[in-house]
């Protein structure tokens, strides 16, 4: 499953992603997911 292929190029969340770095979330939940 590739999210990049599923989300339209002009979707609003792509614009949000360009302006906000959500990488900190991965560190917050790393112990929750294998």
PDB file of N, CA and C in Angstrom:
ATOM      1  N   UNK A   1       0.848  -1.184   0.000  1.00  0.00           N
ATOM      2  CA  UNK A   1       0.000   0.000   0.000  1.00  0.00           C
ATOM      3  C   UNK A   1       0.884   1.234   0.000  1.00  0.00           C
ATOM      4  N   UNK A   2       0.691   2.100  -0.965  1.00  0.00           N
ATOM      5  CA  UNK A   2       1.482   3.320  -1.063  1.00  0.00           C
ATOM      6  C   UNK A   2       0.545   4.523  -1.006  1.00  0.00           C
ATOM      7  N   UNK A   3       0.593   5.239   0.101  1.00  0.00           N
ATOM      8  CA  UNK A   3      -0.289   6.385   0.291  1.00  0.00           C
ATOM      9  C   UNK A   3      -0.043   7.465  -0.756  1.00  0.00           C
ATOM     10  N   UNK A   4       1.197   7.641  -1.166  1.00  0.00           N
ATOM     11  CA  UNK A   4       1.519   8.651  -2.178  1.00  0.00           C
ATOM     12  C   UNK A   4       0.770   8.397  -3.482  1.00  0.00           C
ATOM     13  N   UNK A   5       0.534   7.137  -3.798  1.00  0.00           N
ATOM     14  CA  UNK A   5      -0.182   6.797  -5.026  1.00  0.00           C
ATOM     15  C   UNK A   5      -1.696   6.930  -4.867  1.00  0.00           C
ATOM     16  N   UNK A   6      -2.175   6.927  -3.635  1.00  0.00           N
ATOM     17  CA  UNK A   6      -3.618   6.944  -3.375  1.00  0.00           C
ATOM     18  C   UNK A   6      -4.194   8.346  -3.182  1.00  0.00           C
ATOM     19  N   UNK A   7      -3.355   9.298  -2.759  1.00  0.00           N
ATOM     20  CA  UNK A   7      -3.841  10.650  -2.474  1.00  0.00           C
ATOM     21  C   UNK A   7      -3.643  11.523  -3.714  1.00  0.00           C
ATOM     22  N   UNK A   8      -4.702  12.183  -4.143  1.00  0.00           N
ATOM     23  CA  UNK A   8      -4.630  13.052  -5.323  1.00  0.00           C
ATOM     24  C   UNK A   8      -3.535  14.107  -5.168  1.00  0.00           C
ATOM     25  N   UNK A   9      -2.924  14.481  -6.267  1.00  0.00           N
ATOM     26  CA  UNK A   9      -1.830  15.462  -6.258  1.00  0.00           C
ATOM     27  C   UNK A   9      -2.285  16.822  -5.735  1.00  0.00           C
ATOM     28  N   UNK A  10      -3.546  17.160  -5.918  1.00  0.00           N
ATOM     29  CA  UNK A  10      -4.036  18.475  -5.488  1.00  0.00           C
ATOM     30  C   UNK A  10      -4.839  18.414  -4.187  1.00  0.00           C
ATOM     31  N   UNK A  11      -4.721  17.322  -3.446  1.00  0.00           N
ATOM     32  CA  UNK A  11      -5.461  17.164  -2.185  1.00  0.00           C
ATOM     33  C   UNK A  11      -4.933  18.153  -1.149  1.00  0.00           C
ATOM     34  N   UNK A  12      -5.819  18.695  -0.342  1.00  0.00           N
ATOM     35  CA  UNK A  12      -5.453  19.702   0.666  1.00  0.00           C
ATOM     36  C   UNK A  12      -4.406  19.181   1.651  1.00  0.00           C
ATOM     37  N   UNK A  13      -4.429  17.894   1.958  1.00  0.00           N
ATOM     38  CA  UNK A  13      -3.455  17.361   2.915  1.00  0.00           C
ATOM     39  C   UNK A  13      -2.034  17.390   2.368  1.00  0.00           C
ATOM     40  N   UNK A  14      -1.871  17.357   1.064  1.00  0.00           N
ATOM     41  CA  UNK A  14      -0.530  17.502   0.481  1.00  0.00           C
ATOM     42  C   UNK A  14      -0.001  18.912   0.734  1.00  0.00           C
ATOM     43  N   UNK A  15      -0.877  19.900   0.663  1.00  0.00           N
ATOM     44  CA  UNK A  15      -0.474  21.284   0.943  1.00  0.00           C
ATOM     45  C   UNK A  15      -0.091  21.435   2.410  1.00  0.00           C
ATOM     46  N   UNK A  16      -0.866  20.825   3.288  1.00  0.00           N
ATOM     47  CA  UNK A  16      -0.566  20.878   4.721  1.00  0.00           C
ATOM     48  C   UNK A  16       0.791  20.231   4.985  1.00  0.00           C
ATOM     49  N   UNK A  17       1.036  19.085   4.368  1.00  0.00           N
ATOM     50  CA  UNK A  17       2.286  18.347   4.573  1.00  0.00           C
ATOM     51  C   UNK A  17       3.509  19.176   4.179  1.00  0.00           C
ATOM     52  N   UNK A  18       3.359  20.014   3.164  1.00  0.00           N
ATOM     53  CA  UNK A  18       4.476  20.854   2.722  1.00  0.00           C
ATOM     54  C   UNK A  18       4.854  21.908   3.753  1.00  0.00           C
ATOM     55  N   UNK A  19       3.910  22.288   4.612  1.00  0.00           N
ATOM     56  CA  UNK A  19       4.146  23.379   5.557  1.00  0.00           C
ATOM     57  C   UNK A  19       4.351  22.929   6.999  1.00  0.00           C
ATOM     58  N   UNK A  20       3.965  21.706   7.314  1.00  0.00           N
ATOM     59  CA  UNK A  20       4.080  21.204   8.687  1.00  0.00           C
ATOM     60  C   UNK A  20       4.858  19.897   8.685  1.00  0.00           C
ATOM     61  N   UNK A  21       5.854  19.823   9.531  1.00  0.00           N
ATOM     62  CA  UNK A  21       6.662  18.610   9.647  1.00  0.00           C
ATOM     63  C   UNK A  21       6.057  17.709  10.726  1.00  0.00           C
ATOM     64  N   UNK A  22       5.474  16.598  10.292  1.00  0.00           N
ATOM     65  CA  UNK A  22       4.831  15.676  11.213  1.00  0.00           C
ATOM     66  C   UNK A  22       5.752  14.540  11.647  1.00  0.00           C
ATOM     67  N   UNK A  23       7.031  14.615  11.344  1.00  0.00           N
ATOM     68  CA  UNK A  23       7.955  13.530  11.681  1.00  0.00           C
ATOM     69  C   UNK A  23       8.035  13.265  13.187  1.00  0.00           C
ATOM     70  N   UNK A  24       7.767  14.273  14.002  1.00  0.00           N
ATOM     71  CA  UNK A  24       7.833  14.084  15.455  1.00  0.00           C
ATOM     72  C   UNK A  24       6.845  13.014  15.921  1.00  0.00           C
ATOM     73  N   UNK A  25       5.781  12.817  15.180  1.00  0.00           N
ATOM     74  CA  UNK A  25       4.769  11.831  15.564  1.00  0.00           C
ATOM     75  C   UNK A  25       5.357  10.425  15.576  1.00  0.00           C
ATOM     76  N   UNK A  26       6.230  10.128  14.620  1.00  0.00           N
ATOM     77  CA  UNK A  26       6.838   8.797  14.561  1.00  0.00           C
ATOM     78  C   UNK A  26       7.590   8.479  15.851  1.00  0.00           C
ATOM     79  N   UNK A  27       8.297   9.458  16.396  1.00  0.00           N
ATOM     80  CA  UNK A  27       9.008   9.243  17.662  1.00  0.00           C
ATOM     81  C   UNK A  27       8.038   9.044  18.824  1.00  0.00           C
ATOM     82  N   UNK A  28       6.931   9.745  18.792  1.00  0.00           N
ATOM     83  CA  UNK A  28       5.948   9.640  19.872  1.00  0.00           C
ATOM     84  C   UNK A  28       5.259   8.274  19.909  1.00  0.00           C
ATOM     85  N   UNK A  29       5.079   7.641  18.762  1.00  0.00           N
ATOM     86  CA  UNK A  29       4.316   6.388  18.704  1.00  0.00           C
ATOM     87  C   UNK A  29       5.170   5.166  18.383  1.00  0.00           C
ATOM     88  N   UNK A  30       6.492   5.321  18.351  1.00  0.00           N
ATOM     89  CA  UNK A  30       7.366   4.222  17.933  1.00  0.00           C
ATOM     90  C   UNK A  30       7.227   2.977  18.809  1.00  0.00           C
ATOM     91  N   UNK A  31       6.907   3.141  20.087  1.00  0.00           N
ATOM     92  CA  UNK A  31       6.752   1.986  20.977  1.00  0.00           C
ATOM     93  C   UNK A  31       5.384   1.317  20.822  1.00  0.00           C
ATOM     94  N   UNK A  32       4.473   1.981  20.157  1.00  0.00           N
ATOM     95  CA  UNK A  32       3.123   1.460  19.967  1.00  0.00           C
ATOM     96  C   UNK A  32       3.040   0.517  18.776  1.00  0.00           C
ATOM     97  N   UNK A  33       3.863   0.775  17.772  1.00  0.00           N
ATOM     98  CA  UNK A  33       3.819  -0.015  16.535  1.00  0.00           C
ATOM     99  C   UNK A  33       5.103  -0.801  16.358  1.00  0.00           C
ATOM    100  N   UNK A  34       4.984  -1.980  15.789  1.00  0.00           N
ATOM    101  CA  UNK A  34       6.124  -2.873  15.598  1.00  0.00           C
ATOM    102  C   UNK A  34       6.918  -2.483  14.451  1.00  0.00           C
TER     103      UNK A  34
END
